[in-house]
Amino acid sequence: ELTHQPFGGWKGVVGLQFLSREFEAIGEEAFVPKTATDGFGVFLVEQRRWDRLAIEVGARVDQQDSDPADSASRDFTPVSVSGGASYRFNDAVHLSLNLDHAERAPVEEELFANGPHIATASFEIGNPELKVEAANQAELGIHLDSDRFEANASVYYNRFNNFIYLVDTGVLVDDLPVRQWTQADARFRGVEGEVIWHAADNAAGAFDVRFFGDSVRATLTNNGGNLPRIVPARVGADLRWSRDRWRASLGAVRTSDQDDVAAEESSTPGYTLVDAHVAWHADRERFAWEVFADATNLTDRDARVHTSFLKDRVPLPGRGVSIGFRAYF
């Protein structure tokens, strides 16, 4: 990376990135052939600030070559550009807008997989004809930072051309579900937010209350069908306390049911996880250390992660407690 001298109020960086990777799955898990991937990228990032307005722009061009041992190689040239602006109304409130066009080349398993993938308990089939995936995204956010409150909220819309995803075919091979890498145009719409209330800071300690949540909806453009393994909506809250060398927290996160599922995909019931944490911290001249205790899933819920290929076999851990020691040098 090279940082250039400011010109016309602009500050920026130009850079190069090189990649050389050899990927191989061996033994019974050899579902991807030995593949050599070489590539390089050139990028530029520039930013400028006025009194209330800040702007940042960027661009990147990549060249990537994937060469499998048993079939023809593929070449890709992804091009990405982005722009963002932030306008500060006052010391506490600012608005942000980000627009970007991002492209990525498919990776080895998406292109060349052909066999049982033990980690996901499926028979995975790649598609050597995959094209570059391109995303056009817009995000609008508002941010508040005051003595008593911090808040962030944003909405975004992402339109994909040739979105790459793994689709369930409904076919079984040796009792393993067959999944095929494919691509199609898709749309993602989402919202997320967080509020932190600095409730008190006195002789009893500092108390913060945090609320947060996020939700995303992802569908195919051509027929409105659902994409597989999309994270469900969440809402949560936690109480945090700190005083001198002590800190503690208690929080809960509610994950909603996920019923917006793709073909051959099952729905996943929601769950609520309650966690707690306490720690005692000490700083020394050259290092710091702490002892801590974490309690997870205090209500011992049966929680299944919808985005996991193994959700029906492997739930999240039940009630648990861990005690430990950390050192920072």
Protein backbone atom coordinates (compact mmCIF):
# COMPACT_ATOMS: atom_id res chain seq x y z
CA GLU A 1 0.00 0.00 0.00
CA LEU A 2 1.23 3.50 -0.87
CA THR A 3 -0.21 6.61 0.75
CA HIS A 4 0.04 9.60 -1.57
CA GLN A 5 0.50 13.22 -0.61
CA PRO A 6 -2.84 15.08 -0.21
CA PHE A 7 -3.99 16.96 -3.29
CA GLY A 8 -6.98 19.25 -3.57
CA GLY A 9 -8.08 18.19 -0.10
CA TRP A 10 -8.13 14.48 -1.01
CA LYS A 11 -6.23 11.84 0.97
CA GLY A 12 -5.86 8.29 -0.26
CA VAL A 13 -4.09 5.00 -0.71
CA VAL A 14 -3.22 2.98 -3.81
CA GLY A 15 -2.32 -0.66 -3.39
CA LEU A 16 -1.55 -4.03 -4.93
CA GLN A 17 -2.51 -7.45 -3.62
CA PHE A 18 -1.16 -10.79 -4.85
CA LEU A 19 -2.58 -14.27 -4.27
CA SER A 20 -1.18 -17.73 -4.90
CA ARG A 21 -3.06 -20.65 -3.36
CA GLU A 22 -3.03 -24.40 -3.85
CA PHE A 23 -6.14 -26.17 -2.55
CA GLU A 24 -6.54 -29.93 -2.31
CA ALA A 25 -8.92 -32.26 -0.48
CA ILE A 26 -7.41 -35.72 0.06
CA GLY A 27 -8.56 -39.13 1.28
CA GLU A 28 -12.25 -39.89 1.68
CA GLU A 29 -13.06 -36.17 1.71
CA ALA A 30 -11.53 -35.49 -1.72
CA PHE A 31 -14.61 -33.75 -3.10
CA VAL A 32 -12.58 -30.98 -4.82
CA PRO A 33 -9.69 -31.66 -7.23
CA LYS A 34 -6.27 -30.18 -6.62
CA THR A 35 -6.61 -26.57 -7.78
CA ALA A 36 -4.03 -23.81 -8.16
CA THR A 37 -5.40 -20.27 -7.89
CA ASP A 38 -3.32 -17.23 -8.81
CA GLY A 39 -4.45 -13.64 -8.84
CA PHE A 40 -3.64 -10.02 -8.25
CA GLY A 41 -5.66 -6.91 -7.50
CA VAL A 42 -5.18 -3.16 -7.85
CA PHE A 43 -7.18 -0.82 -5.63
CA LEU A 44 -7.56 2.88 -4.81
CA VAL A 45 -9.29 4.52 -1.85
CA GLU A 46 -9.77 8.30 -1.57
CA GLN A 47 -11.45 10.46 1.07
CA ARG A 48 -12.12 14.14 1.61
CA ARG A 49 -13.71 16.05 4.47
CA TRP A 50 -15.42 19.41 4.50
CA ASP A 51 -17.01 21.14 7.51
CA ARG A 52 -20.02 18.82 7.87
CA LEU A 53 -19.62 16.52 4.89
CA ALA A 54 -17.21 13.62 4.38
CA ILE A 55 -16.91 11.58 1.18
CA GLU A 56 -15.03 8.34 0.48
CA VAL A 57 -14.68 6.60 -2.89
CA GLY A 58 -12.89 3.43 -3.90
CA ALA A 59 -12.26 1.15 -6.85
CA ARG A 60 -10.66 -2.26 -7.34
CA VAL A 61 -9.83 -4.51 -10.30
CA ASP A 62 -8.80 -8.16 -9.88
CA GLN A 63 -7.48 -10.84 -12.19
CA GLN A 64 -7.90 -14.43 -10.98
CA ASP A 65 -7.07 -17.77 -12.58
CA SER A 66 -8.31 -21.11 -11.16
CA ASP A 67 -6.58 -24.15 -12.66
CA PRO A 68 -7.87 -27.60 -11.54
CA ALA A 69 -5.79 -30.72 -12.08
CA ASP A 70 -8.45 -32.61 -14.05
CA SER A 71 -10.31 -30.02 -16.14
CA ALA A 72 -10.01 -26.70 -17.94
CA SER A 73 -8.97 -23.57 -16.05
CA ARG A 74 -11.18 -20.51 -15.58
CA ASP A 75 -10.18 -16.82 -15.68
CA PHE A 76 -12.11 -14.00 -14.01
CA THR A 77 -11.77 -10.20 -13.89
CA PRO A 78 -13.97 -8.79 -11.10
CA VAL A 79 -14.36 -4.99 -10.98
CA SER A 80 -15.70 -3.16 -7.91
CA VAL A 81 -16.43 0.51 -7.18
CA SER A 82 -17.91 2.18 -4.12
CA GLY A 83 -18.84 5.58 -2.77
CA GLY A 84 -19.96 6.80 0.61
CA ALA A 85 -21.01 10.11 2.15
CA SER A 86 -21.55 11.18 5.73
CA TYR A 87 -23.28 14.44 6.71
CA ARG A 88 -23.06 15.67 10.30
CA PHE A 89 -26.07 17.76 11.35
CA ASN A 90 -24.49 18.57 14.71
CA ASP A 91 -22.07 17.04 17.21
CA ALA A 92 -24.53 14.27 18.06
CA VAL A 93 -26.29 13.25 14.82
CA HIS A 94 -25.01 12.31 11.38
CA LEU A 95 -26.50 10.61 8.33
CA SER A 96 -24.63 8.19 6.05
CA LEU A 97 -25.25 6.88 2.54
CA ASN A 98 -23.21 4.13 0.89
CA LEU A 99 -23.48 2.94 -2.70
CA ASP A 100 -21.33 0.17 -4.14
CA HIS A 101 -20.97 -2.27 -6.99
CA ALA A 102 -18.99 -5.31 -5.84
CA GLU A 103 -17.94 -8.32 -7.91
CA ARG A 104 -16.30 -11.57 -6.83
CA ALA A 105 -14.98 -14.61 -8.65
CA PRO A 106 -16.31 -18.07 -7.70
CA VAL A 107 -13.98 -20.16 -5.52
CA GLU A 108 -12.70 -23.71 -6.00
CA GLU A 109 -15.51 -25.69 -4.38
CA GLU A 110 -18.19 -23.64 -6.16
CA LEU A 111 -16.57 -24.41 -9.51
CA PHE A 112 -15.13 -27.91 -9.24
CA ALA A 113 -16.69 -29.82 -6.30
CA ASN A 114 -17.88 -33.32 -7.14
CA GLY A 115 -18.24 -35.74 -4.26
CA PRO A 116 -19.23 -36.24 -0.62
CA HIS A 117 -18.43 -33.24 1.58
CA ILE A 118 -18.15 -34.76 5.04
CA ALA A 119 -18.20 -31.43 6.92
CA THR A 120 -21.69 -30.63 5.60
CA ALA A 121 -22.91 -34.25 5.32
CA SER A 122 -23.86 -33.76 1.67
CA PHE A 123 -22.84 -34.72 -1.86
CA GLU A 124 -21.65 -31.45 -3.39
CA ILE A 125 -21.56 -30.72 -7.12
CA GLY A 126 -19.81 -27.65 -8.51
CA ASN A 127 -20.52 -25.75 -11.69
CA PRO A 128 -17.43 -24.93 -13.82
CA GLU A 129 -19.55 -22.55 -15.93
CA LEU A 130 -20.24 -20.12 -13.09
CA LYS A 131 -19.84 -16.43 -13.91
CA VAL A 132 -18.62 -13.54 -11.79
CA GLU A 133 -21.10 -12.64 -9.02
CA ALA A 134 -22.05 -8.95 -8.96
CA ALA A 135 -23.88 -7.01 -6.24
CA ASN A 136 -25.32 -3.50 -6.35
CA GLN A 137 -26.04 -2.21 -2.85
CA ALA A 138 -27.44 0.94 -1.29
CA GLU A 139 -27.41 1.54 2.47
CA LEU A 140 -28.83 4.50 4.39
CA GLY A 141 -28.01 4.96 8.06
CA ILE A 142 -28.52 7.43 10.90
CA HIS A 143 -26.22 7.65 13.91
CA LEU A 144 -26.63 9.33 17.31
CA ASP A 145 -23.85 9.85 19.85
CA SER A 146 -24.67 11.86 22.98
CA ASP A 147 -23.76 11.76 26.66
CA ARG A 148 -26.72 9.53 27.55
CA PHE A 149 -27.49 7.68 24.33
CA GLU A 150 -25.74 6.00 21.41
CA ALA A 151 -27.89 4.77 18.54
CA ASN A 152 -27.40 3.41 15.03
CA ALA A 153 -30.02 2.35 12.51
CA SER A 154 -29.72 1.45 8.84
CA VAL A 155 -31.67 -0.01 5.96
CA TYR A 156 -30.14 -1.60 2.87
CA TYR A 157 -31.09 -3.04 -0.49
CA ASN A 158 -28.79 -5.39 -2.40
CA ARG A 159 -29.52 -6.55 -5.92
CA PHE A 160 -27.37 -9.46 -7.12
CA ASN A 161 -26.64 -10.49 -10.67
CA ASN A 162 -25.58 -14.16 -10.82
CA PHE A 163 -25.77 -14.71 -7.05
CA ILE A 164 -23.91 -17.95 -6.23
CA TYR A 165 -25.59 -20.33 -3.77
CA LEU A 166 -25.90 -24.02 -2.94
CA VAL A 167 -29.30 -25.47 -3.81
CA ASP A 168 -30.81 -28.71 -2.45
CA THR A 169 -31.85 -31.00 -5.31
CA GLY A 170 -33.98 -33.44 -3.31
CA VAL A 171 -31.84 -36.35 -4.58
CA LEU A 172 -29.88 -38.74 -2.33
CA VAL A 173 -26.54 -40.42 -3.12
CA ASP A 174 -25.34 -42.97 -0.55
CA ASP A 175 -27.85 -41.48 1.92
CA LEU A 176 -26.33 -38.01 1.43
CA PRO A 177 -28.44 -35.11 0.06
CA VAL A 178 -27.14 -33.82 -3.26
CA ARG A 179 -26.51 -30.07 -3.37
CA GLN A 180 -25.62 -28.20 -6.56
CA TRP A 181 -23.75 -24.88 -6.81
CA THR A 182 -25.80 -22.61 -9.03
CA GLN A 183 -26.45 -18.94 -9.60
CA ALA A 184 -29.40 -16.66 -10.25
CA ASP A 185 -30.37 -13.02 -9.83
CA ALA A 186 -31.48 -12.23 -6.27
CA ARG A 187 -32.53 -9.39 -3.97
CA PHE A 188 -31.66 -8.82 -0.31
CA ARG A 189 -33.52 -6.25 1.83
CA GLY A 190 -32.58 -5.67 5.43
CA VAL A 191 -32.73 -3.44 8.48
CA GLU A 192 -30.59 -3.33 11.62
CA GLY A 193 -30.35 -1.11 14.65
CA GLU A 194 -28.81 -0.67 18.09
CA VAL A 195 -29.49 1.65 21.04
CA ILE A 196 -27.24 2.01 24.08
CA TRP A 197 -28.54 3.92 27.11
CA HIS A 198 -25.92 5.06 29.60
CA ALA A 199 -28.34 4.74 32.49
CA ALA A 200 -26.08 5.68 35.41
CA ASP A 201 -22.47 6.33 36.38
CA ASN A 202 -22.04 6.80 40.11
CA ALA A 203 -20.45 5.27 43.20
CA ALA A 204 -22.27 1.99 42.49
CA GLY A 205 -20.68 1.76 39.05
CA ALA A 206 -21.51 2.47 35.41
CA PHE A 207 -24.73 0.91 34.08
CA ASP A 208 -25.49 0.58 30.35
CA VAL A 209 -28.63 -0.90 28.77
CA ARG A 210 -28.36 -2.08 25.17
CA PHE A 211 -31.13 -3.01 22.72
CA PHE A 212 -30.46 -4.34 19.23
CA GLY A 213 -32.07 -6.16 16.34
CA ASP A 214 -31.70 -7.08 12.68
CA SER A 215 -33.72 -8.68 9.90
CA VAL A 216 -33.06 -9.64 6.28
CA ARG A 217 -35.27 -10.93 3.47
CA ALA A 218 -33.66 -12.67 0.47
CA THR A 219 -35.54 -13.81 -2.64
CA LEU A 220 -34.91 -14.81 -6.24
CA THR A 221 -35.64 -12.06 -8.72
CA ASN A 222 -37.29 -14.18 -11.42
CA ASN A 223 -40.02 -15.87 -9.35
CA GLY A 224 -39.84 -14.42 -5.82
CA GLY A 225 -38.76 -17.76 -4.36
CA ASN A 226 -36.80 -17.89 -1.12
CA LEU A 227 -33.05 -18.38 -1.00
CA PRO A 228 -31.79 -21.18 1.27
CA ARG A 229 -30.12 -20.78 4.67
CA ILE A 230 -30.94 -17.11 5.27
CA VAL A 231 -30.42 -15.94 8.83
CA PRO A 232 -33.69 -15.29 10.73
CA ALA A 233 -34.57 -12.01 12.42
CA ARG A 234 -33.19 -11.30 15.90
CA VAL A 235 -33.92 -8.92 18.77
CA GLY A 236 -31.99 -8.70 22.00
CA ALA A 237 -31.15 -6.71 25.10
CA ASP A 238 -28.45 -6.76 27.73
CA LEU A 239 -27.50 -4.96 30.91
CA ARG A 240 -23.84 -4.11 31.45
CA TRP A 241 -22.15 -2.98 34.69
CA SER A 242 -18.60 -1.96 35.46
CA ARG A 243 -16.85 -0.57 38.51
CA ASP A 244 -13.11 -0.23 39.05
CA ARG A 245 -11.67 -3.62 38.06
CA TRP A 246 -15.02 -5.42 37.84
CA ARG A 247 -17.42 -5.80 34.95
CA ALA A 248 -20.52 -7.96 34.44
CA SER A 249 -23.37 -8.40 31.98
CA LEU A 250 -26.67 -10.23 31.60
CA GLY A 251 -28.39 -10.49 28.23
CA ALA A 252 -30.97 -12.29 26.14
CA VAL A 253 -31.34 -12.73 22.37
CA ARG A 254 -34.54 -13.86 20.70
CA THR A 255 -34.05 -15.54 17.30
CA SER A 256 -37.29 -15.76 15.33
CA ASP A 257 -38.77 -18.74 13.50
CA GLN A 258 -37.46 -19.04 9.96
CA ASP A 259 -40.37 -20.07 7.74
CA ASP A 260 -39.24 -18.30 4.55
CA VAL A 261 -37.44 -21.36 3.22
CA ALA A 262 -36.36 -22.60 -0.20
CA ALA A 263 -37.48 -25.79 -1.92
CA GLU A 264 -36.25 -28.95 -0.14
CA GLU A 265 -35.36 -26.85 2.92
CA SER A 266 -37.08 -27.26 6.29
CA SER A 267 -38.15 -24.41 8.55
CA THR A 268 -36.41 -23.78 11.88
CA PRO A 269 -38.18 -22.88 15.14
CA GLY A 270 -37.05 -19.81 17.04
CA TYR A 271 -35.35 -19.78 20.42
CA THR A 272 -34.19 -17.42 23.17
CA LEU A 273 -30.69 -17.59 24.61
CA VAL A 274 -29.82 -16.03 27.99
CA ASP A 275 -26.13 -15.46 28.78
CA ALA A 276 -24.18 -13.89 31.65
CA HIS A 277 -20.59 -12.78 32.17
CA VAL A 278 -18.45 -11.51 35.05
CA ALA A 279 -14.74 -10.61 35.10
CA TRP A 280 -12.08 -9.05 37.32
CA HIS A 281 -9.32 -7.17 35.47
CA ALA A 282 -5.86 -6.00 36.55
CA ASP A 283 -3.43 -3.76 34.66
CA ARG A 284 0.32 -3.87 35.17
CA GLU A 285 3.12 -1.83 33.63
CA ARG A 286 3.83 -4.21 30.75
CA PHE A 287 0.83 -6.55 30.70
CA ALA A 288 -2.73 -7.03 31.90
CA TRP A 289 -4.68 -10.04 33.09
CA GLU A 290 -8.17 -11.03 34.13
CA VAL A 291 -10.17 -13.91 35.53
CA PHE A 292 -13.66 -14.47 34.19
CA ALA A 293 -16.74 -16.67 34.33
CA ASP A 294 -19.19 -17.08 31.46
CA ALA A 295 -22.62 -18.72 31.66
CA THR A 296 -24.33 -19.57 28.36
CA ASN A 297 -27.85 -20.73 27.46
CA LEU A 298 -28.93 -20.41 31.08
CA THR A 299 -32.46 -21.65 30.33
CA ASP A 300 -31.09 -24.74 28.53
CA ARG A 301 -33.06 -24.20 25.30
CA ASP A 302 -32.94 -26.52 22.28
CA ALA A 303 -31.48 -24.05 19.74
CA ARG A 304 -30.90 -24.88 16.06
CA VAL A 305 -29.00 -22.54 13.74
CA HIS A 306 -30.95 -22.18 10.50
CA THR A 307 -27.85 -21.34 8.44
CA SER A 308 -26.12 -24.59 9.43
CA PHE A 309 -26.14 -27.59 7.09
CA LEU A 310 -26.21 -29.80 10.20
CA LYS A 311 -28.99 -28.07 12.15
CA ASP A 312 -31.13 -31.22 12.35
CA ARG A 313 -28.22 -33.23 13.78
CA VAL A 314 -26.24 -30.74 15.84
CA PRO A 315 -27.96 -28.16 18.09
CA LEU A 316 -26.17 -25.36 19.89
CA PRO A 317 -24.72 -26.36 23.29
CA GLY A 318 -27.09 -26.50 26.23
CA ARG A 319 -26.57 -24.79 29.56
CA GLY A 320 -22.86 -24.25 30.20
CA VAL A 321 -20.43 -22.49 32.50
CA SER A 322 -16.77 -21.74 31.79
CA ILE A 323 -14.16 -20.21 34.10
CA GLY A 324 -10.89 -18.92 32.72
CA PHE A 325 -7.85 -16.70 32.87
CA ARG A 326 -6.61 -14.28 30.17
CA ALA A 327 -3.31 -12.46 29.92
CA TYR A 328 -2.61 -9.49 27.60
CA PHE A 329 1.02 -8.69 26.68
